[in-house]
Amino acid sequence: MAKSIVCLQPLTKEQVEAIRKAAPGYTFVQCDAKQPDLEALAGAEIVISWAKGISGLLLREGTPLRWVQAWSAGVDKLPLDRLEQRGIVLTNASGVHAEPISQVIFGYMLMFVRNLHTAIRNQDRRIWNSDETETELTGKTVVIAGTGEIGAATARIAKAFGMRTIGVRRIDDPLPGFDAMYTTSRLKDAVAEGDFVINTLPLTGETRSLFDASVFSSFKEGSYYINIGRGGTTDTEALIEALENGRLRGAGLDVFEAEPLPEDHPLWDMKQVIITPHVAGLTDHYSDRLVGIFTENMKSYLAHGAPTINVIDYRRQY
């Protein structure tokens, strides 16, 4: 049987050619995730992206599938247990999002410190007004929960604004760009120091509802919360309470427990909240960067039988 790669995402001719060049001896099939080519998928050794309704076919006993390249950084919606049982390697899109998402984070932050979110609402009503609470990022402390590609890019930019940076991750070993590091077990201590708390975490068994009432009660009064990770890492009711009681001055939210955010959800009416529809990672450079990751991994796959970049640890779920 011929070795094959099936991609479920649209690619340019140049991107397809880059994959073919990196994978000599493989046939390449591109199809629509909404109407996948089931015959091609059944014989695929490598699949780029995922789609609803294909798990049974791809994860059947005796499947030729050996490697799945996810189209996103988060993999919580994939059948991780079954992929692991079949011995299939899973890689994600970590690194693709660092530039656009870090820029969105600073978009939120700059809007808050300069009251631009209020100015836009005033413009709609033709109101010339300032409550004179404008400030700046210089000298502020940003706490970044999750110090991967996005967290590292955010810390690097924060230093350019003259900010103090604190990281939160599983271990407290120092990392470039961070002035201090806390373990996840000390999240409450970390958030108590932050003028801004940025959540870049994936959704796992350990991070689900990590930002709960006890954590929000530890936030520095008048601070801001920004979540561009996964909605399920945050207890939404606890977040709303922290916004209502003034513990939080505002929140920038790109992800939510329920998406799309229901029309009657109270967050829509909170003027101190900036909402974006899970678009922080979208960019016209997305496909180019992901194909770059895939073709680099293809080199090690051909040479050693396994990719080496962005390999998911099934035990940690990221």
C-alpha atoms as a PDB file:
ATOM      1  CA  MET A   1       0.000   0.000   0.000  1.00  0.00           C
ATOM      2  CA  ALA A   2       1.293   3.450  -0.948  1.00  0.00           C
ATOM      3  CA  LYS A   3       2.225   5.724   1.927  1.00  0.00           C
ATOM      4  CA  SER A   4      -0.102   8.698   2.129  1.00  0.00           C
ATOM      5  CA  ILE A   5      -0.707  12.019   3.841  1.00  0.00           C
ATOM      6  CA  VAL A   6      -4.237  13.431   4.061  1.00  0.00           C
ATOM      7  CA  CYS A   7      -4.862  17.083   4.915  1.00  0.00           C
ATOM      8  CA  LEU A   8      -8.305  18.268   6.012  1.00  0.00           C
ATOM      9  CA  GLN A   9      -7.537  21.984   5.720  1.00  0.00           C
ATOM     10  CA  PRO A  10      -7.292  24.298   2.698  1.00  0.00           C
ATOM     11  CA  LEU A  11      -3.727  24.975   1.561  1.00  0.00           C
ATOM     12  CA  THR A  12      -2.168  27.061  -1.174  1.00  0.00           C
ATOM     13  CA  LYS A  13      -0.320  25.470  -4.094  1.00  0.00           C
ATOM     14  CA  GLU A  14       2.947  26.599  -2.538  1.00  0.00           C
ATOM     15  CA  GLN A  15       2.098  24.968   0.800  1.00  0.00           C
ATOM     16  CA  VAL A  16       1.088  21.714  -0.881  1.00  0.00           C
ATOM     17  CA  GLU A  17       4.332  21.726  -2.850  1.00  0.00           C
ATOM     18  CA  ALA A  18       6.327  22.282   0.358  1.00  0.00           C
ATOM     19  CA  ILE A  19       4.698  19.216   1.930  1.00  0.00           C
ATOM     20  CA  ARG A  20       5.253  17.064  -1.159  1.00  0.00           C
ATOM     21  CA  LYS A  21       8.881  18.135  -1.309  1.00  0.00           C
ATOM     22  CA  ALA A  22       9.355  17.262   2.365  1.00  0.00           C
ATOM     23  CA  ALA A  23       7.680  13.855   1.983  1.00  0.00           C
ATOM     24  CA  PRO A  24       9.181  12.017  -1.003  1.00  0.00           C
ATOM     25  CA  GLY A  25       7.530   8.675  -1.613  1.00  0.00           C
ATOM     26  CA  TYR A  26       4.206   9.781  -0.108  1.00  0.00           C
ATOM     27  CA  THR A  27       1.005  10.560  -1.942  1.00  0.00           C
ATOM     28  CA  PHE A  28      -0.750  13.719  -0.768  1.00  0.00           C
ATOM     29  CA  VAL A  29      -4.526  14.123  -0.630  1.00  0.00           C
ATOM     30  CA  GLN A  30      -6.316  17.308   0.313  1.00  0.00           C
ATOM     31  CA  CYS A  31      -9.982  17.233   1.208  1.00  0.00           C
ATOM     32  CA  ASP A  32     -12.682  19.174   3.046  1.00  0.00           C
ATOM     33  CA  ALA A  33     -13.102  18.465   6.761  1.00  0.00           C
ATOM     34  CA  LYS A  34     -16.878  18.824   6.334  1.00  0.00           C
ATOM     35  CA  GLN A  35     -16.929  16.262   3.524  1.00  0.00           C
ATOM     36  CA  PRO A  36     -13.780  14.188   4.050  1.00  0.00           C
ATOM     37  CA  ASP A  37     -12.558  11.608   1.588  1.00  0.00           C
ATOM     38  CA  LEU A  38     -13.178   8.512   3.703  1.00  0.00           C
ATOM     39  CA  GLU A  39     -11.363   6.183   1.321  1.00  0.00           C
ATOM     40  CA  ALA A  40      -8.239   8.346   1.456  1.00  0.00           C
ATOM     41  CA  LEU A  41      -8.460   8.646   5.248  1.00  0.00           C
ATOM     42  CA  ALA A  42      -8.801   4.894   5.664  1.00  0.00           C
ATOM     43  CA  GLY A  43      -5.373   4.376   4.126  1.00  0.00           C
ATOM     44  CA  ALA A  44      -3.617   7.419   5.572  1.00  0.00           C
ATOM     45  CA  GLU A  45      -0.383   7.046   7.492  1.00  0.00           C
ATOM     46  CA  ILE A  46      -0.339  10.756   8.399  1.00  0.00           C
ATOM     47  CA  VAL A  47      -3.324  13.060   8.851  1.00  0.00           C
ATOM     48  CA  ILE A  48      -3.132  16.825   9.122  1.00  0.00           C
ATOM     49  CA  SER A  49      -6.024  18.250  11.182  1.00  0.00           C
ATOM     50  CA  TRP A  50      -9.116  16.379  12.424  1.00  0.00           C
ATOM     51  CA  ALA A  51     -12.841  16.291  11.729  1.00  0.00           C
ATOM     52  CA  LYS A  52     -16.069  15.135  13.310  1.00  0.00           C
ATOM     53  CA  GLY A  53     -17.103  11.568  12.600  1.00  0.00           C
ATOM     54  CA  ILE A  54     -13.721  10.177  11.531  1.00  0.00           C
ATOM     55  CA  SER A  55     -12.522   8.700  14.839  1.00  0.00           C
ATOM     56  CA  GLY A  56     -14.050   5.282  14.237  1.00  0.00           C
ATOM     57  CA  LEU A  57     -12.421   4.995  10.816  1.00  0.00           C
ATOM     58  CA  LEU A  58      -8.991   6.314  11.747  1.00  0.00           C
ATOM     59  CA  LEU A  59      -8.716   4.584  15.106  1.00  0.00           C
ATOM     60  CA  ARG A  60      -9.992   1.178  14.086  1.00  0.00           C
ATOM     61  CA  GLU A  61      -7.963  -1.937  14.845  1.00  0.00           C
ATOM     62  CA  GLY A  62      -5.179  -2.325  12.310  1.00  0.00           C
ATOM     63  CA  THR A  63      -5.257   1.307  11.228  1.00  0.00           C
ATOM     64  CA  PRO A  64      -2.219   2.420   9.197  1.00  0.00           C
ATOM     65  CA  LEU A  65      -2.379   5.827  10.902  1.00  0.00           C
ATOM     66  CA  ARG A  66       0.873   6.673  12.701  1.00  0.00           C
ATOM     67  CA  TRP A  67       0.880  10.443  13.128  1.00  0.00           C
ATOM     68  CA  VAL A  68      -1.721  13.186  13.504  1.00  0.00           C
ATOM     69  CA  GLN A  69      -0.741  16.836  13.121  1.00  0.00           C
ATOM     70  CA  ALA A  70      -3.425  18.875  14.911  1.00  0.00           C
ATOM     71  CA  TRP A  71      -4.440  22.171  13.338  1.00  0.00           C
ATOM     72  CA  SER A  72      -4.676  23.879  16.743  1.00  0.00           C
ATOM     73  CA  ALA A  73      -2.518  24.224  19.832  1.00  0.00           C
ATOM     74  CA  GLY A  74      -5.258  22.872  22.077  1.00  0.00           C
ATOM     75  CA  VAL A  75      -5.954  19.166  21.695  1.00  0.00           C
ATOM     76  CA  ASP A  76      -8.600  18.716  24.396  1.00  0.00           C
ATOM     77  CA  LYS A  77     -11.299  18.000  21.790  1.00  0.00           C
ATOM     78  CA  LEU A  78      -9.391  15.096  20.222  1.00  0.00           C
ATOM     79  CA  PRO A  79      -9.839  11.458  21.355  1.00  0.00           C
ATOM     80  CA  LEU A  80      -6.561  11.430  23.290  1.00  0.00           C
ATOM     81  CA  ASP A  81      -7.103   8.113  25.083  1.00  0.00           C
ATOM     82  CA  ARG A  82      -7.824   6.252  21.860  1.00  0.00           C
ATOM     83  CA  LEU A  83      -4.934   7.882  20.024  1.00  0.00           C
ATOM     84  CA  GLU A  84      -2.606   6.812  22.810  1.00  0.00           C
ATOM     85  CA  GLN A  85      -4.015   3.279  22.842  1.00  0.00           C
ATOM     86  CA  ARG A  86      -3.279   2.932  19.128  1.00  0.00           C
ATOM     87  CA  GLY A  87       0.267   4.237  19.601  1.00  0.00           C
ATOM     88  CA  ILE A  88      -0.364   7.200  17.303  1.00  0.00           C
ATOM     89  CA  VAL A  89       1.897  10.226  17.703  1.00  0.00           C
ATOM     90  CA  LEU A  90       0.071  13.537  18.065  1.00  0.00           C
ATOM     91  CA  THR A  91       1.695  16.916  17.404  1.00  0.00           C
ATOM     92  CA  ASN A  92       0.024  20.291  17.811  1.00  0.00           C
ATOM     93  CA  ALA A  93       0.310  23.805  16.377  1.00  0.00           C
ATOM     94  CA  SER A  94       2.151  25.341  19.307  1.00  0.00           C
ATOM     95  CA  GLY A  95       4.203  28.296  18.104  1.00  0.00           C
ATOM     96  CA  VAL A  96       1.832  29.258  15.297  1.00  0.00           C
ATOM     97  CA  HIS A  97      -0.144  31.498  17.633  1.00  0.00           C
ATOM     98  CA  ALA A  98       2.551  33.291  19.599  1.00  0.00           C
ATOM     99  CA  GLU A  99       2.674  36.451  17.474  1.00  0.00           C
ATOM    100  CA  PRO A 100      -1.053  37.110  16.877  1.00  0.00           C
ATOM    101  CA  ILE A 101      -2.170  36.118  20.371  1.00  0.00           C
ATOM    102  CA  SER A 102       0.501  38.140  22.171  1.00  0.00           C
ATOM    103  CA  GLN A 103      -0.593  41.120  20.084  1.00  0.00           C
ATOM    104  CA  VAL A 104      -4.215  40.575  21.101  1.00  0.00           C
ATOM    105  CA  ILE A 105      -3.132  40.405  24.747  1.00  0.00           C
ATOM    106  CA  PHE A 106      -1.465  43.791  24.464  1.00  0.00           C
ATOM    107  CA  GLY A 107      -4.456  45.095  22.556  1.00  0.00           C
ATOM    108  CA  TYR A 108      -6.586  44.328  25.618  1.00  0.00           C
ATOM    109  CA  MET A 109      -4.006  45.745  28.022  1.00  0.00           C
ATOM    110  CA  LEU A 110      -3.519  48.998  26.140  1.00  0.00           C
ATOM    111  CA  MET A 111      -7.263  49.481  25.805  1.00  0.00           C
ATOM    112  CA  PHE A 112      -7.653  49.098  29.558  1.00  0.00           C
ATOM    113  CA  VAL A 113      -4.822  51.377  30.701  1.00  0.00           C
ATOM    114  CA  ARG A 114      -5.771  54.108  28.211  1.00  0.00           C
ATOM    115  CA  ASN A 115      -9.567  53.613  28.681  1.00  0.00           C
ATOM    116  CA  LEU A 116      -9.969  53.063  24.940  1.00  0.00           C
ATOM    117  CA  HIS A 117     -12.789  50.567  25.521  1.00  0.00           C
ATOM    118  CA  THR A 118     -14.726  53.377  27.223  1.00  0.00           C
ATOM    119  CA  ALA A 119     -13.780  55.910  24.550  1.00  0.00           C
ATOM    120  CA  ILE A 120     -15.208  53.674  21.811  1.00  0.00           C
ATOM    121  CA  ARG A 121     -18.517  53.404  23.654  1.00  0.00           C
ATOM    122  CA  ASN A 122     -18.540  57.163  24.191  1.00  0.00           C
ATOM    123  CA  GLN A 123     -17.858  57.731  20.507  1.00  0.00           C
ATOM    124  CA  ASP A 124     -20.943  55.722  19.589  1.00  0.00           C
ATOM    125  CA  ARG A 125     -22.970  58.142  21.732  1.00  0.00           C
ATOM    126  CA  ARG A 126     -20.963  61.262  20.743  1.00  0.00           C
ATOM    127  CA  ILE A 127     -19.873  61.870  24.341  1.00  0.00           C
ATOM    128  CA  TRP A 128     -16.661  63.846  24.962  1.00  0.00           C
ATOM    129  CA  ASN A 129     -15.571  62.639  28.381  1.00  0.00           C
ATOM    130  CA  SER A 130     -12.726  61.172  30.437  1.00  0.00           C
ATOM    131  CA  ASP A 131     -12.792  60.123  34.071  1.00  0.00           C
ATOM    132  CA  GLU A 132      -9.040  60.907  34.110  1.00  0.00           C
ATOM    133  CA  THR A 133      -8.034  57.425  35.278  1.00  0.00           C
ATOM    134  CA  GLU A 134      -5.786  56.819  32.269  1.00  0.00           C
ATOM    135  CA  THR A 135      -2.479  55.229  33.194  1.00  0.00           C
ATOM    136  CA  GLU A 136       0.263  53.247  31.389  1.00  0.00           C
ATOM    137  CA  LEU A 137       1.872  49.829  31.312  1.00  0.00           C
ATOM    138  CA  THR A 138       5.235  51.105  32.506  1.00  0.00           C
ATOM    139  CA  GLY A 139       6.013  49.767  35.970  1.00  0.00           C
ATOM    140  CA  LYS A 140       3.022  47.431  36.068  1.00  0.00           C
ATOM    141  CA  THR A 141       3.358  43.731  36.912  1.00  0.00           C
ATOM    142  CA  VAL A 142       2.022  41.086  34.549  1.00  0.00           C
ATOM    143  CA  VAL A 143       1.487  37.517  35.736  1.00  0.00           C
ATOM    144  CA  ILE A 144       1.500  34.977  32.910  1.00  0.00           C
ATOM    145  CA  ALA A 145       0.003  31.569  33.677  1.00  0.00           C
ATOM    146  CA  GLY A 146       1.525  29.283  31.076  1.00  0.00           C
ATOM    147  CA  THR A 147       5.069  30.012  29.900  1.00  0.00           C
ATOM    148  CA  GLY A 148       5.075  28.281  26.525  1.00  0.00           C
ATOM    149  CA  GLU A 149       5.431  30.027  23.171  1.00  0.00           C
ATOM    150  CA  ILE A 150       2.595  32.502  23.818  1.00  0.00           C
ATOM    151  CA  GLY A 151       3.633  33.220  27.386  1.00  0.00           C
ATOM    152  CA  ALA A 152       7.255  33.728  26.377  1.00  0.00           C
ATOM    153  CA  ALA A 153       6.322  36.118  23.558  1.00  0.00           C
ATOM    154  CA  THR A 154       4.067  38.056  25.944  1.00  0.00           C
ATOM    155  CA  ALA A 155       6.841  38.342  28.530  1.00  0.00           C
ATOM    156  CA  ARG A 156       9.296  39.569  25.888  1.00  0.00           C
ATOM    157  CA  ILE A 157       6.939  42.328  24.749  1.00  0.00           C
ATOM    158  CA  ALA A 158       6.086  43.236  28.348  1.00  0.00           C
ATOM    159  CA  LYS A 159       9.744  43.940  29.073  1.00  0.00           C
ATOM    160  CA  ALA A 160       9.778  46.366  26.145  1.00  0.00           C
ATOM    161  CA  PHE A 161       6.955  48.254  27.887  1.00  0.00           C
ATOM    162  CA  GLY A 162       8.960  48.384  31.099  1.00  0.00           C
ATOM    163  CA  MET A 163       6.798  45.872  32.938  1.00  0.00           C
ATOM    164  CA  ARG A 164       7.717  43.371  35.644  1.00  0.00           C
ATOM    165  CA  THR A 165       7.021  39.795  34.535  1.00  0.00           C
ATOM    166  CA  ILE A 166       6.027  36.796  36.654  1.00  0.00           C
ATOM    167  CA  GLY A 167       5.540  33.339  35.178  1.00  0.00           C
ATOM    168  CA  VAL A 168       3.460  30.453  36.486  1.00  0.00           C
ATOM    169  CA  ARG A 169       4.157  26.873  35.420  1.00  0.00           C
ATOM    170  CA  ARG A 170       4.619  23.350  36.751  1.00  0.00           C
ATOM    171  CA  ILE A 171       8.191  24.017  37.910  1.00  0.00           C
ATOM    172  CA  ASP A 172       9.707  27.249  39.171  1.00  0.00           C
ATOM    173  CA  ASP A 173      12.987  27.096  37.259  1.00  0.00           C
ATOM    174  CA  PRO A 174      13.848  30.523  35.786  1.00  0.00           C
ATOM    175  CA  LEU A 175      13.181  31.362  32.150  1.00  0.00           C
ATOM    176  CA  PRO A 176      14.474  34.238  30.000  1.00  0.00           C
ATOM    177  CA  GLY A 177      12.129  37.220  30.023  1.00  0.00           C
ATOM    178  CA  PHE A 178      10.633  36.470  33.428  1.00  0.00           C
ATOM    179  CA  ASP A 179      11.666  38.342  36.572  1.00  0.00           C
ATOM    180  CA  ALA A 180      10.175  35.662  38.823  1.00  0.00           C
ATOM    181  CA  MET A 181       8.658  32.195  38.485  1.00  0.00           C
ATOM    182  CA  TYR A 182       6.028  30.429  40.595  1.00  0.00           C
ATOM    183  CA  THR A 183       4.793  26.867  40.458  1.00  0.00           C
ATOM    184  CA  THR A 184       1.122  26.301  39.638  1.00  0.00           C
ATOM    185  CA  SER A 185       0.577  25.287  43.261  1.00  0.00           C
ATOM    186  CA  ARG A 186       1.437  28.900  44.181  1.00  0.00           C
ATOM    187  CA  LEU A 187      -0.954  30.482  41.694  1.00  0.00           C
ATOM    188  CA  LYS A 188      -2.696  32.454  44.450  1.00  0.00           C
ATOM    189  CA  ASP A 189       0.597  33.989  45.564  1.00  0.00           C
ATOM    190  CA  ALA A 190       1.413  34.937  41.978  1.00  0.00           C
ATOM    191  CA  VAL A 191      -1.918  36.572  41.098  1.00  0.00           C
ATOM    192  CA  ALA A 192      -1.752  38.655  44.283  1.00  0.00           C
ATOM    193  CA  GLU A 193       1.179  40.530  42.712  1.00  0.00           C
ATOM    194  CA  GLY A 194      -0.307  41.141  39.276  1.00  0.00           C
ATOM    195  CA  ASP A 195      -1.792  44.283  37.820  1.00  0.00           C
ATOM    196  CA  PHE A 196      -2.619  42.031  34.869  1.00  0.00           C
ATOM    197  CA  VAL A 197      -3.073  38.254  34.996  1.00  0.00           C
ATOM    198  CA  ILE A 198      -2.832  36.478  31.644  1.00  0.00           C
ATOM    199  CA  ASN A 199      -4.186  32.947  31.242  1.00  0.00           C
ATOM    200  CA  THR A 200      -2.577  31.087  28.325  1.00  0.00           C
ATOM    201  CA  LEU A 201      -3.173  27.589  29.726  1.00  0.00           C
ATOM    202  CA  PRO A 202      -4.417  24.554  27.803  1.00  0.00           C
ATOM    203  CA  LEU A 203      -7.467  22.676  29.093  1.00  0.00           C
ATOM    204  CA  THR A 204      -6.453  19.525  30.958  1.00  0.00           C
ATOM    205  CA  GLY A 205      -7.664  17.623  33.989  1.00  0.00           C
ATOM    206  CA  GLU A 206      -5.336  19.755  36.111  1.00  0.00           C
ATOM    207  CA  THR A 207      -6.322  23.144  34.661  1.00  0.00           C
ATOM    208  CA  ARG A 208     -10.101  22.720  34.408  1.00  0.00           C
ATOM    209  CA  SER A 209     -11.702  25.507  36.502  1.00  0.00           C
ATOM    210  CA  LEU A 210      -8.256  26.353  37.885  1.00  0.00           C
ATOM    211  CA  PHE A 211      -9.256  30.015  38.059  1.00  0.00           C
ATOM    212  CA  ASP A 212     -12.025  29.609  40.613  1.00  0.00           C
ATOM    213  CA  ALA A 213     -13.487  31.770  43.386  1.00  0.00           C
ATOM    214  CA  SER A 214     -10.560  31.128  45.723  1.00  0.00           C
ATOM    215  CA  VAL A 215      -8.054  32.236  43.081  1.00  0.00           C
ATOM    216  CA  PHE A 216     -10.032  35.315  42.044  1.00  0.00           C
ATOM    217  CA  SER A 217     -10.320  36.343  45.687  1.00  0.00           C
ATOM    218  CA  SER A 218      -6.498  36.350  45.782  1.00  0.00           C
ATOM    219  CA  PHE A 219      -6.182  38.799  42.872  1.00  0.00           C
ATOM    220  CA  LYS A 220      -4.789  42.237  43.584  1.00  0.00           C
ATOM    221  CA  GLU A 221      -7.737  44.606  43.963  1.00  0.00           C
ATOM    222  CA  GLY A 222      -8.344  46.590  40.789  1.00  0.00           C
ATOM    223  CA  SER A 223      -6.365  44.211  38.573  1.00  0.00           C
ATOM    224  CA  TYR A 224      -7.314  42.835  35.158  1.00  0.00           C
ATOM    225  CA  TYR A 225      -7.823  39.264  33.962  1.00  0.00           C
ATOM    226  CA  ILE A 226      -7.167  38.180  30.375  1.00  0.00           C
ATOM    227  CA  ASN A 227      -7.989  34.699  29.092  1.00  0.00           C
ATOM    228  CA  ILE A 228      -6.817  33.601  25.654  1.00  0.00           C
ATOM    229  CA  GLY A 229      -6.161  29.968  26.653  1.00  0.00           C
ATOM    230  CA  ARG A 230      -9.258  27.829  27.073  1.00  0.00           C
ATOM    231  CA  GLY A 231     -12.624  28.836  28.511  1.00  0.00           C
ATOM    232  CA  GLY A 232     -12.877  25.722  30.649  1.00  0.00           C
ATOM    233  CA  THR A 233      -9.884  26.797  32.749  1.00  0.00           C
ATOM    234  CA  THR A 234     -12.056  29.529  34.300  1.00  0.00           C
ATOM    235  CA  ASP A 235     -15.096  29.299  36.589  1.00  0.00           C
ATOM    236  CA  THR A 236     -17.266  31.862  34.810  1.00  0.00           C
ATOM    237  CA  GLU A 237     -19.565  32.498  37.773  1.00  0.00           C
ATOM    238  CA  ALA A 238     -16.554  33.215  39.975  1.00  0.00           C
ATOM    239  CA  LEU A 239     -15.175  35.563  37.320  1.00  0.00           C
ATOM    240  CA  ILE A 240     -18.449  37.480  37.128  1.00  0.00           C
ATOM    241  CA  GLU A 241     -18.560  37.796  40.903  1.00  0.00           C
ATOM    242  CA  ALA A 242     -15.005  39.181  40.953  1.00  0.00           C
ATOM    243  CA  LEU A 243     -15.981  41.731  38.302  1.00  0.00           C
ATOM    244  CA  GLU A 244     -19.144  42.727  40.138  1.00  0.00           C
ATOM    245  CA  ASN A 245     -17.542  43.127  43.556  1.00  0.00           C
ATOM    246  CA  GLY A 246     -14.683  45.229  42.179  1.00  0.00           C
ATOM    247  CA  ARG A 247     -11.877  42.769  42.873  1.00  0.00           C
ATOM    248  CA  LEU A 248     -11.287  42.892  39.115  1.00  0.00           C
ATOM    249  CA  ARG A 249     -11.327  46.229  37.318  1.00  0.00           C
ATOM    250  CA  GLY A 250     -11.848  44.503  33.992  1.00  0.00           C
ATOM    251  CA  ALA A 251     -11.397  41.417  31.857  1.00  0.00           C
ATOM    252  CA  GLY A 252     -10.361  40.690  28.275  1.00  0.00           C
ATOM    253  CA  LEU A 253     -11.895  37.402  27.151  1.00  0.00           C
ATOM    254  CA  ASP A 254     -11.412  35.518  23.907  1.00  0.00           C
ATOM    255  CA  VAL A 255     -12.510  32.090  25.163  1.00  0.00           C
ATOM    256  CA  PHE A 256     -15.486  30.902  27.194  1.00  0.00           C
ATOM    257  CA  GLU A 257     -16.871  27.792  28.845  1.00  0.00           C
ATOM    258  CA  ALA A 258     -19.759  27.854  26.340  1.00  0.00           C
ATOM    259  CA  GLU A 259     -19.059  29.004  22.786  1.00  0.00           C
ATOM    260  CA  PRO A 260     -20.577  30.920  21.128  1.00  0.00           C
ATOM    261  CA  LEU A 261     -21.269  32.967  24.238  1.00  0.00           C
ATOM    262  CA  PRO A 262     -25.084  32.893  24.679  1.00  0.00           C
ATOM    263  CA  GLU A 263     -26.837  36.140  23.745  1.00  0.00           C
ATOM    264  CA  ASP A 264     -28.355  36.454  27.209  1.00  0.00           C
ATOM    265  CA  HIS A 265     -25.075  35.937  29.056  1.00  0.00           C
ATOM    266  CA  PRO A 266     -24.365  38.649  31.661  1.00  0.00           C
ATOM    267  CA  LEU A 267     -20.801  39.201  30.393  1.00  0.00           C
ATOM    268  CA  TRP A 268     -22.193  40.961  27.304  1.00  0.00           C
ATOM    269  CA  ASP A 269     -23.575  43.800  29.428  1.00  0.00           C
ATOM    270  CA  MET A 270     -20.474  44.369  31.548  1.00  0.00           C
ATOM    271  CA  LYS A 271     -18.810  47.568  30.310  1.00  0.00           C
ATOM    272  CA  GLN A 272     -15.507  46.642  31.956  1.00  0.00           C
ATOM    273  CA  VAL A 273     -15.270  43.490  29.823  1.00  0.00           C
ATOM    274  CA  ILE A 274     -13.822  43.248  26.299  1.00  0.00           C
ATOM    275  CA  ILE A 275     -15.116  40.228  24.384  1.00  0.00           C
ATOM    276  CA  THR A 276     -13.649  38.756  21.212  1.00  0.00           C
ATOM    277  CA  PRO A 277     -15.123  35.624  19.542  1.00  0.00           C
ATOM    278  CA  HIS A 278     -12.230  33.151  19.966  1.00  0.00           C
ATOM    279  CA  VAL A 279     -10.184  34.811  17.230  1.00  0.00           C
ATOM    280  CA  ALA A 280      -6.981  35.697  19.094  1.00  0.00           C
ATOM    281  CA  GLY A 281      -5.001  33.058  17.229  1.00  0.00           C
ATOM    282  CA  LEU A 282      -6.356  33.767  13.766  1.00  0.00           C
ATOM    283  CA  THR A 283      -3.890  35.233  11.292  1.00  0.00           C
ATOM    284  CA  ASP A 284      -3.216  35.128   7.562  1.00  0.00           C
ATOM    285  CA  HIS A 285       0.176  33.582   8.446  1.00  0.00           C
ATOM    286  CA  TYR A 286      -1.418  30.593  10.196  1.00  0.00           C
ATOM    287  CA  SER A 287      -1.176  27.976   7.455  1.00  0.00           C
ATOM    288  CA  ASP A 288       2.357  28.960   6.448  1.00  0.00           C
ATOM    289  CA  ARG A 289       3.586  28.578  10.022  1.00  0.00           C
ATOM    290  CA  LEU A 290       1.831  25.259  10.558  1.00  0.00           C
ATOM    291  CA  VAL A 291       3.157  23.837   7.300  1.00  0.00           C
ATOM    292  CA  GLY A 292       6.615  24.966   8.412  1.00  0.00           C
ATOM    293  CA  ILE A 293       6.253  22.996  11.642  1.00  0.00           C
ATOM    294  CA  PHE A 294       4.969  19.959   9.747  1.00  0.00           C
ATOM    295  CA  THR A 295       7.733  19.915   7.147  1.00  0.00           C
ATOM    296  CA  GLU A 296      10.423  20.232   9.827  1.00  0.00           C
ATOM    297  CA  ASN A 297       8.821  17.336  11.711  1.00  0.00           C
ATOM    298  CA  MET A 298       8.651  15.334   8.485  1.00  0.00           C
ATOM    299  CA  LYS A 299      12.454  15.382   8.330  1.00  0.00           C
ATOM    300  CA  SER A 300      12.788  13.657  11.694  1.00  0.00           C
ATOM    301  CA  TYR A 301       9.861  11.348  10.915  1.00  0.00           C
ATOM    302  CA  LEU A 302      11.619  10.108   7.782  1.00  0.00           C
ATOM    303  CA  ALA A 303      15.004   9.887   9.489  1.00  0.00           C
ATOM    304  CA  HIS A 304      14.003   8.399  12.851  1.00  0.00           C
ATOM    305  CA  GLY A 305      10.383   7.291  12.549  1.00  0.00           C
ATOM    306  CA  ALA A 306       8.914  10.007  14.761  1.00  0.00           C
ATOM    307  CA  PRO A 307       8.424  13.791  14.758  1.00  0.00           C
ATOM    308  CA  THR A 308      10.220  15.775  17.459  1.00  0.00           C
ATOM    309  CA  ILE A 309       8.512  19.204  17.495  1.00  0.00           C
ATOM    310  CA  ASN A 310       5.323  19.832  19.516  1.00  0.00           C
ATOM    311  CA  VAL A 311       4.822  16.173  20.434  1.00  0.00           C
ATOM    312  CA  ILE A 312       1.890  15.824  22.844  1.00  0.00           C
ATOM    313  CA  ASP A 313       2.489  14.103  26.166  1.00  0.00           C
ATOM    314  CA  TYR A 314      -0.728  12.114  26.578  1.00  0.00           C
ATOM    315  CA  ARG A 315      -0.249  11.966  30.338  1.00  0.00           C
ATOM    316  CA  ARG A 316      -0.183  15.757  30.606  1.00  0.00           C
ATOM    317  CA  GLN A 317      -2.653  16.286  27.727  1.00  0.00           C
ATOM    318  CA  TYR A 318      -0.475  18.956  26.094  1.00  0.00           C
END
